Protein backbone atom coordinates (compact mmCIF):
# COMPACT_ATOMS: atom_id res chain seq x y z
CA MET A 1 -0.17 -0.03 0.21
CA LYS A 2 3.09 2.45 0.71
CA GLU A 3 4.20 1.98 -2.96
CA LYS A 4 0.75 3.02 -4.34
CA VAL A 5 0.60 5.51 -2.86
CA LYS A 6 4.19 6.88 -3.10
CA ASN A 7 3.76 6.32 -7.11
CA LEU A 8 0.42 8.14 -7.06
CA ALA A 9 2.06 11.24 -5.37
CA LEU A 10 4.40 11.39 -8.29
CA LYS A 11 1.24 12.40 -10.66
CA LEU A 12 -1.89 13.20 -8.72
CA HIS A 13 -2.60 16.89 -7.50
CA PRO A 14 -1.30 16.97 -4.18
CA LYS A 15 -4.65 16.85 -2.28
CA ARG A 16 -5.60 13.88 -3.36
CA VAL A 17 -1.93 12.39 -1.93
CA ALA A 18 -3.12 13.77 1.28
CA THR A 19 -6.37 11.83 1.37
CA LEU A 20 -4.31 8.64 0.46
CA PHE A 21 -1.93 8.99 3.01
CA ASP A 22 -4.28 9.78 5.54
CA THR A 23 -6.28 6.86 4.49
CA PHE A 24 -2.45 4.84 5.02
CA LEU A 25 -1.92 6.49 8.26
CA LYS A 26 -5.35 5.94 9.68
CA ASP A 27 -4.70 2.06 8.91
CA GLU A 28 -1.50 2.12 10.26
CA SER A 29 -2.76 4.16 13.51
CA ILE A 30 -5.12 1.45 14.48
CA GLY A 31 -2.08 -1.21 14.64
CA GLY A 32 -0.52 1.08 16.96
CA LYS A 33 -3.58 1.58 18.93
CA LEU A 34 -3.91 -2.22 19.50
CA ILE A 35 -0.44 -2.40 20.84
CA LEU A 36 -0.85 -0.13 23.49
CA VAL A 37 -3.81 -1.99 24.49
CA ALA A 38 -2.10 -4.92 24.61
CA ALA A 39 0.66 -3.47 26.51
CA LEU A 40 -1.37 -1.81 28.94
CA LEU A 41 -3.44 -5.25 29.80
CA SER A 42 0.16 -6.65 30.06
CA LEU A 43 1.06 -3.96 32.32
CA ILE A 44 -2.06 -4.76 34.52
CA VAL A 45 -1.60 -8.45 34.61
CA VAL A 46 1.72 -8.27 35.73
CA ASN A 47 0.98 -5.89 38.91
CA SER A 48 -1.95 -8.08 39.83
CA PRO A 49 -3.06 -11.69 41.73
CA LEU A 50 -2.43 -13.26 37.85
CA ARG A 51 1.37 -12.41 38.01
CA ASP A 52 2.79 -16.25 38.61
CA GLU A 53 0.18 -17.34 36.30
CA PHE A 54 1.07 -15.22 34.05
CA ASN A 55 4.48 -15.67 33.87
CA HIS A 56 3.83 -19.53 34.01
CA PHE A 57 1.92 -19.49 31.32
CA TRP A 58 4.64 -18.05 29.00
CA HIS A 59 7.25 -20.09 30.48
CA LEU A 60 5.32 -23.62 29.40
CA PRO A 61 7.46 -25.55 26.67
CA LEU A 62 6.18 -25.99 23.59
CA SER A 63 7.96 -28.45 21.13
CA ILE A 64 7.93 -29.07 17.63
CA GLY A 65 9.18 -31.81 15.52
CA LEU A 66 9.52 -35.71 15.34
CA GLY A 67 10.59 -37.92 17.57
CA SER A 68 14.81 -36.65 18.36
CA TRP A 69 14.55 -34.54 15.77
CA SER A 70 12.39 -31.89 17.64
CA LEU A 71 12.96 -28.15 19.05
CA SER A 72 11.65 -27.06 22.26
CA LEU A 73 11.47 -23.44 23.54
CA ASP A 74 8.91 -21.56 26.02
CA LEU A 75 5.76 -20.07 24.34
CA ARG A 76 7.70 -16.36 25.40
CA HIS A 77 10.48 -17.71 23.22
CA TRP A 78 8.56 -18.88 20.16
CA VAL A 79 6.50 -15.11 20.29
CA ASN A 80 9.91 -13.49 20.38
CA GLU A 81 12.01 -15.77 18.10
CA GLY A 82 8.86 -17.32 15.69
CA LEU A 83 6.43 -14.86 15.28
CA MET A 84 8.68 -12.01 15.51
CA ALA A 85 10.71 -13.61 12.16
CA PHE A 86 7.18 -13.02 10.47
CA PHE A 87 7.21 -8.94 11.29
CA PHE A 88 10.91 -8.52 10.11
CA LEU A 89 10.17 -10.52 7.14
CA VAL A 90 7.09 -7.52 6.75
CA VAL A 91 10.12 -5.18 7.51
CA GLY A 92 12.56 -6.33 5.06
CA LEU A 93 10.12 -7.16 2.39
CA GLU A 94 9.08 -3.10 2.67
CA ILE A 95 13.09 -2.31 2.59
CA LYS A 96 13.73 -4.21 -0.85
CA ARG A 97 10.56 -2.87 -2.25
CA GLU A 98 11.52 0.84 -1.08
CA LEU A 99 15.30 -0.21 -2.42
CA VAL A 100 14.05 -1.06 -5.98
CA LYS A 101 11.26 1.02 -6.58
CA GLY A 102 10.27 3.23 -3.70
CA GLU A 103 11.57 6.16 -1.93
CA LEU A 104 14.94 5.01 -1.16
CA LYS A 105 15.91 4.45 -4.85
CA ASN A 106 16.05 7.98 -5.06
CA LYS A 107 19.38 9.87 -3.41
CA LYS A 108 18.28 12.73 -3.81
CA THR A 109 14.84 11.88 -2.20
CA ALA A 110 16.67 9.30 0.38
CA ILE A 111 19.97 10.81 1.53
CA LEU A 112 17.91 13.26 4.13
CA PRO A 113 15.84 10.98 6.21
CA ILE A 114 18.56 8.06 6.01
CA GLY A 115 21.33 10.51 7.30
CA ALA A 116 18.49 11.51 9.48
CA ALA A 117 18.01 8.13 10.93
CA ILE A 118 21.87 7.31 11.28
CA GLY A 119 21.95 10.53 13.63
CA GLY A 120 19.08 9.28 15.40
CA MET A 121 20.70 6.13 16.54
CA ILE A 122 24.13 7.12 17.04
CA ILE A 123 23.72 10.07 19.25
CA PRO A 124 20.99 7.95 21.22
CA ALA A 125 23.35 5.17 21.68
CA LEU A 126 26.32 7.66 23.08
CA ILE A 127 24.14 8.87 25.52
CA TYR A 128 22.95 5.66 26.81
CA LEU A 129 26.89 4.81 26.95
CA ILE A 130 27.78 8.04 28.74
CA PHE A 131 24.98 7.04 31.64
CA ASN A 132 26.59 3.10 31.73
CA ILE A 133 29.82 3.13 30.81
CA ASN A 134 31.00 2.70 34.54
CA SER A 135 27.97 0.00 34.95
CA GLY A 136 27.22 -3.88 34.24
CA ALA A 137 24.76 -2.66 31.89
CA ILE A 138 26.59 -0.95 28.80
CA GLN A 139 25.04 -3.57 26.68
CA GLY A 140 21.47 -1.92 26.95
CA TRP A 141 23.53 0.92 24.43
CA GLY A 142 20.94 -0.37 21.33
CA ILE A 143 17.80 -0.05 23.82
CA PRO A 144 16.84 3.65 22.64
CA ILE A 145 18.04 3.64 18.74
CA ALA A 146 15.05 2.26 17.47
CA THR A 147 11.84 3.88 16.40
CA ASP A 148 8.45 2.28 17.21
CA ILE A 149 6.94 3.25 13.10
CA ALA A 150 3.51 2.10 14.65
CA PHE A 151 3.33 4.35 17.41
CA ALA A 152 5.07 7.28 15.29
CA VAL A 153 2.30 6.83 12.46
CA ALA A 154 -0.52 6.75 15.15
CA VAL A 155 0.43 10.05 16.77
CA LEU A 156 1.42 11.57 13.30
CA SER A 157 -2.41 10.50 12.42
CA LEU A 158 -3.61 12.58 15.33
CA LEU A 159 -2.50 15.79 13.14
CA SER A 160 -4.91 14.63 10.48
CA ASN A 161 -3.74 17.18 7.14
CA ARG A 162 -1.87 19.86 9.10
CA VAL A 163 1.37 18.28 8.65
CA PRO A 164 3.18 18.86 4.63
CA VAL A 165 2.64 14.94 2.63
CA SER A 166 6.02 15.43 1.77
CA LEU A 167 6.68 15.26 6.05
CA LYS A 168 4.89 11.77 6.13
CA ILE A 169 7.03 10.54 3.54
CA PHE A 170 10.21 12.07 5.41
CA LEU A 171 9.18 10.15 8.74
CA LEU A 172 8.52 6.82 6.61
CA THR A 173 11.59 6.46 4.81
CA LEU A 174 13.17 7.70 8.24
CA ALA A 175 11.64 4.66 10.24
CA ILE A 176 12.70 2.33 7.29
CA ALA A 177 16.30 3.32 7.65
CA ASP A 178 16.27 2.77 11.00
CA ASP A 179 14.80 -0.29 10.91
CA ILE A 180 17.75 -1.25 8.79
CA GLY A 181 20.21 -0.03 11.62
CA ALA A 182 18.01 -2.06 14.30
CA ILE A 183 18.38 -5.71 12.39
CA PHE A 184 22.29 -5.11 11.95
CA VAL A 185 22.34 -3.88 15.62
CA ILE A 186 20.82 -7.15 16.50
CA ALA A 187 22.29 -9.42 14.49
CA LEU A 188 26.11 -7.89 14.94
CA PHE A 189 25.75 -7.48 18.86
CA TYR A 190 22.99 -9.25 20.32
CA ALA A 191 24.24 -12.85 19.06
CA GLU A 192 24.48 -15.57 21.79
CA ILE A 193 27.28 -18.00 21.90
CA ILE A 194 27.69 -19.04 18.27
CA ASN A 195 28.10 -22.18 16.67
CA TYR A 196 29.89 -21.33 12.91
CA TRP A 197 28.86 -24.79 11.70
CA TYR A 198 25.20 -23.61 11.57
CA LEU A 199 26.09 -20.20 10.98
CA GLY A 200 28.08 -21.50 7.69
CA ALA A 201 24.76 -23.68 6.86
CA SER A 202 22.62 -20.55 7.20
CA PHE A 203 25.24 -18.63 4.92
CA LEU A 204 24.96 -21.34 2.53
CA VAL A 205 21.34 -21.39 2.34
CA ALA A 206 21.45 -17.41 2.39
CA THR A 207 23.46 -17.55 -1.00
CA LEU A 208 21.16 -20.21 -2.39
CA THR A 209 18.88 -18.23 -2.16
CA PHE A 210 20.24 -14.99 -3.45
CA LEU A 211 22.38 -16.99 -6.30
CA PHE A 212 18.28 -18.59 -7.07
CA ARG A 213 16.37 -15.52 -6.84
CA LYS A 214 14.75 -15.18 -9.91
CA GLN A 215 13.52 -18.95 -10.35
CA LEU A 216 11.83 -18.67 -6.92
CA THR A 217 10.23 -15.16 -7.56
CA TYR A 218 7.00 -17.15 -8.52
CA ARG A 219 7.75 -20.42 -6.51
CA LEU A 220 6.22 -19.59 -2.70
CA PHE A 221 6.32 -23.04 -1.40
CA ILE A 222 10.24 -23.22 -2.39
CA VAL A 223 10.44 -20.08 -0.46
CA CYS A 224 8.51 -20.94 2.46
CA MET A 225 10.65 -24.23 2.72
CA LEU A 226 13.80 -22.12 2.09
CA GLY A 227 12.71 -19.73 5.27
CA ILE A 228 11.87 -22.62 7.63
CA LEU A 229 15.53 -24.33 6.97
CA LEU A 230 17.16 -20.66 7.09
CA TRP A 231 15.06 -20.01 10.48
CA ILE A 232 16.32 -22.98 12.30
CA THR A 233 19.80 -22.92 10.89
CA THR A 234 20.03 -19.78 12.29
CA HIS A 235 18.63 -20.10 16.03
CA LEU A 236 21.10 -23.88 16.33
CA SER A 237 23.90 -20.67 15.23
CA GLY A 238 22.81 -18.77 18.23
CA ILE A 239 22.13 -15.48 16.23
CA HIS A 240 18.66 -14.72 17.31
CA ALA A 241 16.50 -16.23 14.67
CA SER A 242 13.83 -13.66 14.23
CA ILE A 243 16.10 -11.55 11.83
CA VAL A 244 15.80 -14.17 9.81
CA GLY A 245 13.21 -13.02 8.20
CA ALA A 246 14.34 -9.40 7.40
CA VAL A 247 17.05 -11.57 5.27
CA LEU A 248 14.67 -13.30 3.28
CA GLY A 249 12.88 -9.89 2.71
CA PHE A 250 16.21 -8.49 1.39
CA LEU A 251 17.07 -11.19 -0.60
CA ALA A 252 13.12 -11.53 -1.90
CA PRO A 253 12.85 -10.71 -5.70
CA VAL A 254 10.56 -7.66 -6.78
CA ALA A 255 8.83 -8.20 -10.14
CA LYS A 256 9.71 -5.17 -12.29
CA SER A 257 6.36 -6.29 -14.41
CA SER A 258 2.89 -6.07 -13.35
CA LYS A 259 2.84 -9.44 -12.26
CA MET A 260 3.07 -9.61 -8.36
CA ALA A 261 5.86 -11.48 -7.58
CA VAL A 262 5.72 -14.39 -4.41
CA SER A 263 7.41 -11.29 -2.17
CA GLU A 264 4.92 -8.67 -2.70
CA LYS A 265 1.62 -11.17 -2.21
CA VAL A 266 3.55 -12.71 1.17
CA GLU A 267 4.09 -8.97 2.44
CA LYS A 268 0.35 -8.03 1.30
CA ALA A 269 -0.71 -11.26 3.40
CA LEU A 270 0.88 -10.85 6.40
CA LEU A 271 1.29 -7.04 6.75
CA PRO A 272 -2.76 -7.13 8.29
CA ILE A 273 -1.53 -10.61 10.64
CA THR A 274 1.62 -8.89 11.68
CA THR A 275 0.16 -5.42 12.47
CA PHE A 276 -3.23 -6.69 14.10
CA PHE A 277 -1.95 -9.99 15.71
CA ILE A 278 1.54 -10.50 16.01
CA LEU A 279 2.80 -6.88 17.42
CA PRO A 280 -0.19 -7.09 20.19
CA VAL A 281 0.95 -10.54 20.57
CA PHE A 282 4.56 -9.58 21.37
CA ALA A 283 3.72 -6.33 23.71
CA PHE A 284 1.42 -8.51 25.45
CA ALA A 285 3.95 -11.03 26.45
CA ASN A 286 6.86 -8.83 27.00
CA ALA A 287 5.98 -5.31 27.71
CA GLY A 288 4.76 -5.75 31.34
CA PHE A 289 7.08 -4.54 34.04
CA THR A 290 6.68 -4.32 37.69
CA LEU A 291 5.29 -1.41 39.25
CA SER A 292 7.00 -0.38 42.68
CA ALA A 293 9.25 2.49 44.36
CA SER A 294 12.52 0.72 44.07
CA ALA A 295 12.23 -0.10 40.49
CA LEU A 296 12.20 3.84 39.99
CA THR A 297 14.98 4.02 42.23
CA THR A 298 17.33 1.25 41.31
CA ASN A 299 19.41 0.63 38.04
CA GLN A 300 18.99 4.24 37.86
CA SER A 301 22.01 5.09 35.10
CA ILE A 302 19.58 2.04 32.72
CA LEU A 303 16.48 4.32 33.52
CA TRP A 304 17.77 7.60 32.59
CA GLY A 305 20.12 6.67 29.73
CA VAL A 306 17.00 5.37 27.66
CA ILE A 307 15.03 8.10 28.88
CA PHE A 308 17.39 10.91 27.73
CA GLY A 309 18.67 8.52 24.75
CA LEU A 310 14.75 7.69 23.70
CA VAL A 311 13.61 11.92 24.16
CA LEU A 312 16.52 13.63 23.86
CA GLY A 313 18.95 11.72 21.66
CA LYS A 314 16.52 10.91 18.77
CA VAL A 315 15.70 14.63 18.32
CA ILE A 316 19.37 15.93 18.74
CA GLY A 317 20.77 13.25 16.31
CA ILE A 318 18.03 13.71 13.61
CA THR A 319 18.04 17.15 13.72
CA LEU A 320 21.76 17.35 13.57
CA ALA A 321 22.19 15.28 10.60
CA SER A 322 19.86 17.01 8.73
CA TRP A 323 21.33 20.26 9.84
CA LEU A 324 24.30 19.40 8.42
CA LEU A 325 23.21 17.81 5.13
CA VAL A 326 21.73 20.91 4.29
CA LYS A 327 24.31 23.14 5.44
CA LEU A 328 26.72 21.05 3.43
CA ARG A 329 24.55 21.16 0.20
CA VAL A 330 24.37 17.88 0.28
CA ALA A 331 20.37 17.49 0.83
CA GLN A 332 17.53 19.83 1.22
CA LEU A 333 14.22 19.79 3.15
CA PRO A 334 11.59 18.45 1.55
CA VAL A 335 8.51 20.62 -0.13
CA GLY A 336 6.57 22.69 2.60
CA VAL A 337 8.95 21.55 5.72
CA VAL A 338 10.70 24.12 7.66
CA TRP A 339 13.39 23.34 10.91
CA LYS A 340 10.13 23.12 13.11
CA HIS A 341 8.51 20.24 11.70
CA ILE A 342 11.99 18.25 11.86
CA ILE A 343 12.69 18.60 15.46
CA GLY A 344 8.77 17.65 15.75
CA ILE A 345 9.46 14.36 14.36
CA GLY A 346 12.57 14.54 15.96
CA PHE A 347 10.71 14.09 19.09
CA ILE A 348 8.15 11.77 17.82
CA ALA A 349 11.06 9.34 16.04
CA GLY A 350 11.76 8.65 20.10
CA ILE A 351 9.18 6.74 20.48
CA GLY A 352 11.10 3.41 20.41
CA PHE A 353 8.73 0.89 22.31
CA THR A 354 8.41 -2.45 20.19
CA VAL A 355 11.87 -2.60 19.11
CA SER A 356 13.25 -1.05 22.10
CA ILE A 357 11.78 -4.02 24.07
CA PHE A 358 12.63 -6.16 21.97
CA ILE A 359 16.65 -5.30 22.41
CA THR A 360 15.90 -5.14 25.98
CA GLU A 361 14.66 -8.80 26.04
CA LEU A 362 18.18 -9.55 24.18
CA ALA A 363 20.54 -7.02 25.91
CA PHE A 364 19.31 -8.19 29.60
CA SER A 365 18.09 -11.68 28.98
CA ASP A 366 19.63 -12.98 32.37
CA ASN A 367 18.62 -10.10 34.38
CA ASP A 368 14.84 -9.59 35.29
CA SER A 369 15.95 -6.36 37.42
CA PHE A 370 17.46 -4.46 34.07
CA VAL A 371 14.99 -5.72 32.12
CA ASN A 372 12.19 -4.24 34.50
CA THR A 373 14.18 -1.02 34.66
CA ALA A 374 14.47 -0.31 31.03
CA LYS A 375 10.92 -1.29 30.23
CA ILE A 376 9.74 1.68 32.51
CA GLY A 377 12.68 4.17 30.76
CA ILE A 378 11.21 2.94 27.24
CA PHE A 379 6.92 3.70 28.99
CA ILE A 380 8.17 6.72 30.06
CA ALA A 381 10.37 7.99 27.26
CA SER A 382 8.04 6.76 24.41
CA GLY A 383 4.79 8.48 25.98
CA ALA A 384 7.10 11.96 26.72
CA SER A 385 8.40 12.02 23.22
CA ALA A 386 4.88 11.75 21.78
CA LEU A 387 3.74 14.33 23.59
CA LEU A 388 6.29 16.85 22.65
CA GLY A 389 6.39 15.26 19.14
CA TYR A 390 2.39 16.14 19.29
CA ILE A 391 2.63 19.76 20.92
CA ILE A 392 5.42 20.89 18.54
CA LEU A 393 3.94 19.86 15.12
CA ARG A 394 0.82 20.85 16.13
CA SER A 395 2.06 24.42 17.40
CA ILE A 396 3.08 24.91 13.30
CA PRO A 397 0.97 27.43 11.62
CA PHE A 398 -1.52 25.60 9.10
CA SER A 399 -1.29 26.05 5.43
CA ARG A 400 -3.04 24.47 2.83
CA ASP A 401 -0.27 25.33 0.21
CA ASN A 402 1.91 22.48 1.71
CA GLN A 403 -0.96 19.84 1.49
């Protein structure tokens, strides 16, 4: 749907484009609201008498396989490594499509949001490291680098047509580039003990998929089998298997003809599933944390590193990178966009939530206290970022010429 909207944006009247974007943003915002409801339910249950039953349920083992050839994980791991692989597959497919025939194909259009996304990952990580350089929580530096596109879009949808269409494209492109960075961070820095034999097998499967990608363009069954095999070998290698989805998305061929390729069919089928089911289930399984006075006073370096990283790091990194690119004449601001718009989007990009929680579980898998504190920081920071971004963008004088 994003591709359709963006292609039409080049041909249709701006007011018509705004209407199409409003439709897209409305659909995405529903997903963000569902994730929020699921997260709040998780928070309520974790702080209720049902807490032990809730934790027991998510630790129930589930085995899949035949005889000795079986894989056993608890339900939370199946959600985080299994279901989330489908989420990352959709992300990977969107990125690939954008690279081939979308916003990321046009260097002049893409360079500003890509540069902004890079700045928006580096500065938050540095801020977190400043707070935690001498603590045992330094591995959590990846927590504040993420932007939750579903929540970001939900906040932007509240502004209706008060923001330029070009700013909406800027946010979407920035979020896609941010997703690429988060995927690489997860793959490179949050792997467990590596089994190089299985890692080699994963590279072999990925290489074969890449070499025969044209032959696989319209063969869904074979692609599914390769995907399952790649997931298994990656899981056994010690790397978080959820990123297999992104890898397959990167490798997937995008048809240049009018005939829809397998990748586009898969994306179309999985988008509502990931938006309305997988992400809410992930939030329900992982977002809850214990509310107590001690939770706010312990692990202070983690709490403030996450909060300042998301709330201030994102807006500083995005705005500074954008300013440098424009100042050096490498890029220019989109039509109708002023610097106050960039600052507002910078705050909205500080809504980390889903991916930040995901990285938290990876970074502090052996320390529940650290996980609890980081989740509190993510909730506080995401709420503050959303509010500040909304207020700033709302305060910009409305102009119909931008629509």
